[in-house]
């Protein structure tokens, strides 16, 4: 098992999880974060830190493996992030929206740290 970031993170990108990760396995895209599944040690400290509950075990809410694939793929091309940054100014507007991957996902990298 590993942890994954789901579409609840898109356009919210709160970074509380980054600060608590003991192995720095978060990677930053333009509008979301992902976890590198090969680096994650399955400690789970990041999961309760996410205010929008975007972080889940890969065995939960990912029956077809879509989110494990998204996390795996983009963790290899986006920059590593180890320091909490600012969430988007309009993040609260997107907290409860569903279907964000199809509407807003960007493959562009973030800044990293």
Protein backbone atom coordinates (compact mmCIF):
# COMPACT_ATOMS: atom_id res chain seq x y z
CA UNK A 1 0.00 0.00 0.00
CA UNK A 2 1.01 3.57 -0.65
CA UNK A 3 -0.77 6.87 -0.33
CA UNK A 4 -2.06 8.80 -3.33
CA UNK A 5 -3.40 12.28 -3.98
CA UNK A 6 -6.81 12.42 -5.67
CA UNK A 7 -8.66 15.11 -7.60
CA UNK A 8 -9.87 16.79 -4.40
CA UNK A 9 -6.44 18.48 -4.41
CA UNK A 10 -6.91 20.07 -7.82
CA UNK A 11 -7.31 23.87 -7.62
CA UNK A 12 -7.04 23.68 -3.81
CA UNK A 13 -3.42 22.54 -3.43
CA UNK A 14 -3.19 23.08 0.31
CA UNK A 15 0.32 22.01 1.22
CA UNK A 16 0.00 21.07 4.88
CA UNK A 17 0.96 17.51 3.90
CA UNK A 18 4.36 18.59 2.58
CA UNK A 19 5.51 19.83 5.97
CA UNK A 20 4.88 16.53 7.77
CA UNK A 21 6.24 14.07 5.19
CA UNK A 22 9.37 12.44 6.66
CA UNK A 23 10.67 11.29 3.26
CA UNK A 24 9.84 14.29 1.03
CA UNK A 25 7.82 12.26 -1.47
CA UNK A 26 5.51 15.06 -2.66
CA UNK A 27 5.83 16.55 -6.13
CA UNK A 28 4.21 19.75 -7.32
CA UNK A 29 2.16 20.36 -10.41
CA UNK A 30 0.66 23.65 -11.47
CA UNK A 31 -2.61 23.01 -9.64
CA UNK A 32 -2.15 19.88 -7.50
CA UNK A 33 0.37 17.74 -5.67
CA UNK A 34 1.17 14.04 -6.14
CA UNK A 35 2.96 11.43 -4.03
CA UNK A 36 5.74 9.31 -5.50
CA UNK A 37 4.55 5.79 -4.65
CA UNK A 38 8.06 4.32 -4.71
CA UNK A 39 9.26 6.88 -2.16
CA UNK A 40 6.22 6.85 0.16
CA UNK A 41 6.86 4.77 3.28
CA UNK A 42 3.16 4.38 4.05
CA UNK A 43 3.41 6.15 7.38
CA UNK A 44 0.11 7.96 6.88
CA UNK A 45 1.04 11.20 8.63
CA UNK A 46 0.06 13.24 5.58
CA UNK A 47 -3.50 11.92 5.30
CA UNK A 48 -5.04 13.73 8.29
CA UNK A 49 -3.21 16.97 7.40
CA UNK A 50 -5.16 17.48 4.17
CA UNK A 51 -8.13 19.77 4.82
CA UNK A 52 -9.99 18.52 1.71
CA UNK A 53 -9.26 14.81 2.30
CA UNK A 54 -7.44 14.44 -1.02
CA UNK A 55 -4.89 11.96 0.34
CA UNK A 56 -6.02 8.33 0.49
CA UNK A 57 -4.46 4.89 0.70
CA UNK A 58 -4.18 3.50 -2.84
CA UNK A 59 -6.49 0.68 -1.78
CA UNK A 60 -9.32 3.13 -1.07
CA UNK A 61 -11.31 5.19 -3.58
CA UNK A 62 -9.13 4.04 -6.49
CA UNK A 63 -10.68 0.82 -7.76
CA UNK A 64 -9.34 1.17 -11.32
CA UNK A 65 -5.89 2.46 -10.27
CA UNK A 66 -6.38 5.82 -12.01
CA UNK A 67 -4.97 7.88 -9.15
CA UNK A 68 -2.04 5.56 -8.54
CA UNK A 69 -1.16 5.98 -12.23
CA UNK A 70 -1.53 9.80 -12.09
CA UNK A 71 0.66 9.99 -8.98
CA UNK A 72 3.27 7.61 -10.42
CA UNK A 73 3.47 9.38 -13.76
CA UNK A 74 3.67 12.97 -12.59
CA UNK A 75 5.97 12.32 -9.62
CA UNK A 76 8.65 11.49 -12.20
CA UNK A 77 8.29 14.75 -14.15
CA UNK A 78 7.19 17.39 -11.63
CA UNK A 79 9.62 19.02 -9.16
CA UNK A 80 9.91 17.80 -5.60
CA UNK A 81 8.36 20.04 -2.95
CA UNK A 82 9.53 19.99 0.66
CA UNK A 83 8.42 23.38 1.96
CA UNK A 84 4.79 24.40 2.37
CA UNK A 85 3.81 27.13 -0.06
CA UNK A 86 0.72 29.29 -0.40
CA UNK A 87 -2.54 27.70 -1.47
CA UNK A 88 -4.28 29.38 -4.41
CA UNK A 89 -6.22 32.49 -3.37
CA UNK A 90 -9.46 30.97 -4.70
CA UNK A 91 -8.91 27.48 -3.22
CA UNK A 92 -11.99 27.60 -1.00
CA UNK A 93 -14.24 27.93 -4.05
CA UNK A 94 -13.11 24.49 -5.26
CA UNK A 95 -13.05 22.51 -1.99
CA UNK A 96 -16.33 20.64 -2.50
CA UNK A 97 -16.43 20.54 -6.30
CA UNK A 98 -16.34 17.10 -7.91
CA UNK A 99 -15.04 16.03 -11.31
CA UNK A 100 -12.11 18.42 -11.09
CA UNK A 101 -9.70 16.20 -13.01
CA UNK A 102 -11.70 16.43 -16.21
CA UNK A 103 -12.33 20.16 -15.78
CA UNK A 104 -9.08 21.59 -14.44
CA UNK A 105 -6.14 19.15 -14.33
CA UNK A 106 -2.91 20.59 -15.72
CA UNK A 107 0.14 18.55 -16.67
CA UNK A 108 2.36 21.60 -16.23
CA UNK A 109 4.85 21.46 -13.36
CA UNK A 110 4.76 23.65 -10.29
CA UNK A 111 7.72 25.54 -8.85
CA UNK A 112 8.88 22.93 -6.34
CA UNK A 113 11.20 23.84 -3.49
